[in-house]
Amino acid sequence: MRPIILAILLIFTTPSLAQEADLSLMGKTATELKATLGDPSLIWPEHPAYTWQYADDLCVLQLYLYAPTIGGEAVVKYAEASMRGDVEAVMNPDNVPICLVSRGLMPGPASDSGPDSRR
């Protein structure tokens, strides 16, 4: 499926995916993120947080990690993403599910493979 079609399907057919994406990312530690997503493309400190960026051909995902206590391990508190090819390249939390689906970390919308799907 073409990336833009996947993005449109996700936005208009599965509004609860944003909530599922939040549940799958929020509270994850840096160690858990590396196990799930691999090494980020870029990490930069933005006191009091760290921003982890994951980029692929479809989107750019940014995760913001904050330490819950002094000396504690940082956890994800916010996530947002922008779509590649978006003229404005606006970071938006609603784009996060698309990034997770493109990485195979969330199921996408069910595809119809019945006999009438080849119109």
C-alpha atoms as a PDB file:
ATOM      1  CA  MET A   1       0.000   0.000   0.000  1.00  0.00           C
ATOM      2  CA  ARG A   2       1.364   3.451  -0.889  1.00  0.00           C
ATOM      3  CA  PRO A   3       2.420   5.505   2.175  1.00  0.00           C
ATOM      4  CA  ILE A   4       0.046   8.391   1.465  1.00  0.00           C
ATOM      5  CA  ILE A   5      -2.917   6.007   1.110  1.00  0.00           C
ATOM      6  CA  LEU A   6      -1.931   4.317   4.370  1.00  0.00           C
ATOM      7  CA  ALA A   7      -1.776   7.723   6.072  1.00  0.00           C
ATOM      8  CA  ILE A   8      -5.222   8.714   4.804  1.00  0.00           C
ATOM      9  CA  LEU A   9      -6.743   5.388   5.863  1.00  0.00           C
ATOM     10  CA  LEU A  10      -5.257   5.676   9.321  1.00  0.00           C
ATOM     11  CA  ILE A  11      -6.469   9.219   9.842  1.00  0.00           C
ATOM     12  CA  PHE A  12     -10.030   8.648   8.669  1.00  0.00           C
ATOM     13  CA  THR A  13     -10.791   5.076   9.680  1.00  0.00           C
ATOM     14  CA  THR A  14      -9.108   4.490  13.030  1.00  0.00           C
ATOM     15  CA  PRO A  15      -9.260   7.522  15.340  1.00  0.00           C
ATOM     16  CA  SER A  16      -8.496   5.377  18.397  1.00  0.00           C
ATOM     17  CA  LEU A  17      -5.021   4.553  17.022  1.00  0.00           C
ATOM     18  CA  ALA A  18      -3.692   7.787  18.518  1.00  0.00           C
ATOM     19  CA  GLN A  19      -4.761   6.573  21.964  1.00  0.00           C
ATOM     20  CA  GLU A  20      -3.209   3.153  21.322  1.00  0.00           C
ATOM     21  CA  ALA A  21       0.035   4.827  20.220  1.00  0.00           C
ATOM     22  CA  ASP A  22       0.088   6.880  23.409  1.00  0.00           C
ATOM     23  CA  LEU A  23      -0.407   3.738  25.472  1.00  0.00           C
ATOM     24  CA  SER A  24       2.366   1.919  23.637  1.00  0.00           C
ATOM     25  CA  LEU A  25       4.926   4.725  24.086  1.00  0.00           C
ATOM     26  CA  MET A  26       4.091   6.736  27.194  1.00  0.00           C
ATOM     27  CA  GLY A  27       6.126   5.804  30.228  1.00  0.00           C
ATOM     28  CA  LYS A  28       8.669   3.712  28.298  1.00  0.00           C
ATOM     29  CA  THR A  29      12.239   4.076  29.488  1.00  0.00           C
ATOM     30  CA  ALA A  30      15.199   4.715  27.200  1.00  0.00           C
ATOM     31  CA  THR A  31      16.150   1.058  27.554  1.00  0.00           C
ATOM     32  CA  GLU A  32      12.660  -0.068  26.521  1.00  0.00           C
ATOM     33  CA  LEU A  33      12.645   2.321  23.564  1.00  0.00           C
ATOM     34  CA  LYS A  34      15.932   0.956  22.276  1.00  0.00           C
ATOM     35  CA  ALA A  35      14.590  -2.592  22.574  1.00  0.00           C
ATOM     36  CA  THR A  36      11.423  -1.647  20.664  1.00  0.00           C
ATOM     37  CA  LEU A  37      12.544   0.988  18.152  1.00  0.00           C
ATOM     38  CA  GLY A  38      16.316   0.515  18.034  1.00  0.00           C
ATOM     39  CA  ASP A  39      18.789   3.364  18.287  1.00  0.00           C
ATOM     40  CA  PRO A  40      17.350   6.794  17.505  1.00  0.00           C
ATOM     41  CA  SER A  41      18.579   8.741  14.488  1.00  0.00           C
ATOM     42  CA  LEU A  42      19.294  11.699  16.740  1.00  0.00           C
ATOM     43  CA  ILE A  43      19.307  12.486  20.476  1.00  0.00           C
ATOM     44  CA  TRP A  44      19.551  15.988  21.844  1.00  0.00           C
ATOM     45  CA  PRO A  45      19.175  17.447  25.319  1.00  0.00           C
ATOM     46  CA  GLU A  46      16.537  20.111  25.906  1.00  0.00           C
ATOM     47  CA  HIS A  47      16.710  20.723  29.636  1.00  0.00           C
ATOM     48  CA  PRO A  48      14.952  19.190  31.518  1.00  0.00           C
ATOM     49  CA  ALA A  49      14.194  16.646  28.771  1.00  0.00           C
ATOM     50  CA  TYR A  50      15.892  14.625  26.064  1.00  0.00           C
ATOM     51  CA  THR A  51      14.423  14.463  22.589  1.00  0.00           C
ATOM     52  CA  TRP A  52      14.854  11.213  20.682  1.00  0.00           C
ATOM     53  CA  GLN A  53      14.207  11.331  16.964  1.00  0.00           C
ATOM     54  CA  TYR A  54      13.476   8.355  14.703  1.00  0.00           C
ATOM     55  CA  ALA A  55      13.279   9.045  10.966  1.00  0.00           C
ATOM     56  CA  ASP A  56      12.336   6.806   8.059  1.00  0.00           C
ATOM     57  CA  ASP A  57      11.027   7.276   4.505  1.00  0.00           C
ATOM     58  CA  LEU A  58       7.477   7.998   5.674  1.00  0.00           C
ATOM     59  CA  CYS A  59       7.820  10.125   8.792  1.00  0.00           C
ATOM     60  CA  VAL A  60       9.903  11.676  11.539  1.00  0.00           C
ATOM     61  CA  LEU A  61       8.963  10.585  15.072  1.00  0.00           C
ATOM     62  CA  GLN A  62      10.074  12.635  18.073  1.00  0.00           C
ATOM     63  CA  LEU A  63       9.837  11.327  21.621  1.00  0.00           C
ATOM     64  CA  TYR A  64      10.380  13.550  24.655  1.00  0.00           C
ATOM     65  CA  LEU A  65      11.841  11.833  27.711  1.00  0.00           C
ATOM     66  CA  TYR A  66      11.822  13.346  31.188  1.00  0.00           C
ATOM     67  CA  ALA A  67      13.358  11.962  34.360  1.00  0.00           C
ATOM     68  CA  PRO A  68      10.608  11.466  36.953  1.00  0.00           C
ATOM     69  CA  THR A  69      13.032  12.227  39.800  1.00  0.00           C
ATOM     70  CA  ILE A  70      16.578  13.481  40.116  1.00  0.00           C
ATOM     71  CA  GLY A  71      18.769  10.582  39.120  1.00  0.00           C
ATOM     72  CA  GLY A  72      15.798   8.522  37.898  1.00  0.00           C
ATOM     73  CA  GLU A  73      15.641   6.962  34.451  1.00  0.00           C
ATOM     74  CA  ALA A  74      13.978   9.197  31.866  1.00  0.00           C
ATOM     75  CA  VAL A  75      10.641   8.063  30.444  1.00  0.00           C
ATOM     76  CA  VAL A  76       8.539   9.133  27.456  1.00  0.00           C
ATOM     77  CA  LYS A  77       6.066  11.845  28.390  1.00  0.00           C
ATOM     78  CA  TYR A  78       5.140  13.172  24.926  1.00  0.00           C
ATOM     79  CA  ALA A  79       5.366  12.030  21.302  1.00  0.00           C
ATOM     80  CA  GLU A  80       4.757  13.756  17.982  1.00  0.00           C
ATOM     81  CA  ALA A  81       5.590  13.167  14.339  1.00  0.00           C
ATOM     82  CA  SER A  82       5.630  14.833  10.946  1.00  0.00           C
ATOM     83  CA  MET A  83       5.060  13.255   7.575  1.00  0.00           C
ATOM     84  CA  ARG A  84       7.801  13.293   4.943  1.00  0.00           C
ATOM     85  CA  GLY A  85       6.730  15.313   1.943  1.00  0.00           C
ATOM     86  CA  ASP A  86       4.450  17.513   4.052  1.00  0.00           C
ATOM     87  CA  VAL A  87       5.168  21.012   2.790  1.00  0.00           C
ATOM     88  CA  GLU A  88       4.717  22.483   6.252  1.00  0.00           C
ATOM     89  CA  ALA A  89       6.318  19.499   8.048  1.00  0.00           C
ATOM     90  CA  VAL A  90       4.222  20.189  11.123  1.00  0.00           C
ATOM     91  CA  MET A  91       4.924  18.017  14.149  1.00  0.00           C
ATOM     92  CA  ASN A  92       1.647  16.593  15.405  1.00  0.00           C
ATOM     93  CA  PRO A  93       0.792  13.862  17.931  1.00  0.00           C
ATOM     94  CA  ASP A  94      -1.907  12.570  15.551  1.00  0.00           C
ATOM     95  CA  ASN A  95       0.843  11.426  13.144  1.00  0.00           C
ATOM     96  CA  VAL A  96       2.463   9.089  15.701  1.00  0.00           C
ATOM     97  CA  PRO A  97       0.313   6.035  14.832  1.00  0.00           C
ATOM     98  CA  ILE A  98       1.308   6.323  11.170  1.00  0.00           C
ATOM     99  CA  CYS A  99       4.978   6.196  12.147  1.00  0.00           C
ATOM    100  CA  LEU A 100       4.403   3.187  14.384  1.00  0.00           C
ATOM    101  CA  VAL A 101       2.459   1.346  11.680  1.00  0.00           C
ATOM    102  CA  SER A 102       5.184   2.104   9.120  1.00  0.00           C
ATOM    103  CA  ARG A 103       7.720   0.524  11.494  1.00  0.00           C
ATOM    104  CA  GLY A 104       5.511  -2.535  12.033  1.00  0.00           C
ATOM    105  CA  LEU A 105       4.925  -1.678  15.690  1.00  0.00           C
ATOM    106  CA  MET A 106       1.152  -1.253  15.436  1.00  0.00           C
ATOM    107  CA  PRO A 107      -1.410  -2.945  13.221  1.00  0.00           C
ATOM    108  CA  GLY A 108      -2.758  -0.793  10.417  1.00  0.00           C
ATOM    109  CA  PRO A 109      -6.331  -0.692   9.219  1.00  0.00           C
ATOM    110  CA  ALA A 110      -7.603  -4.079   8.095  1.00  0.00           C
ATOM    111  CA  SER A 111      -7.261  -4.547   4.370  1.00  0.00           C
ATOM    112  CA  ASP A 112     -10.123  -6.002   2.403  1.00  0.00           C
ATOM    113  CA  SER A 113      -8.923  -9.011   0.461  1.00  0.00           C
ATOM    114  CA  GLY A 114     -12.328 -10.332  -0.562  1.00  0.00           C
ATOM    115  CA  PRO A 115     -13.387 -10.986  -4.160  1.00  0.00           C
ATOM    116  CA  ASP A 116     -14.805  -7.466  -4.616  1.00  0.00           C
ATOM    117  CA  SER A 117     -11.608  -5.697  -3.530  1.00  0.00           C
ATOM    118  CA  ARG A 118     -10.111  -5.662  -7.066  1.00  0.00           C
ATOM    119  CA  ARG A 119     -12.467  -3.179  -8.667  1.00  0.00           C
END
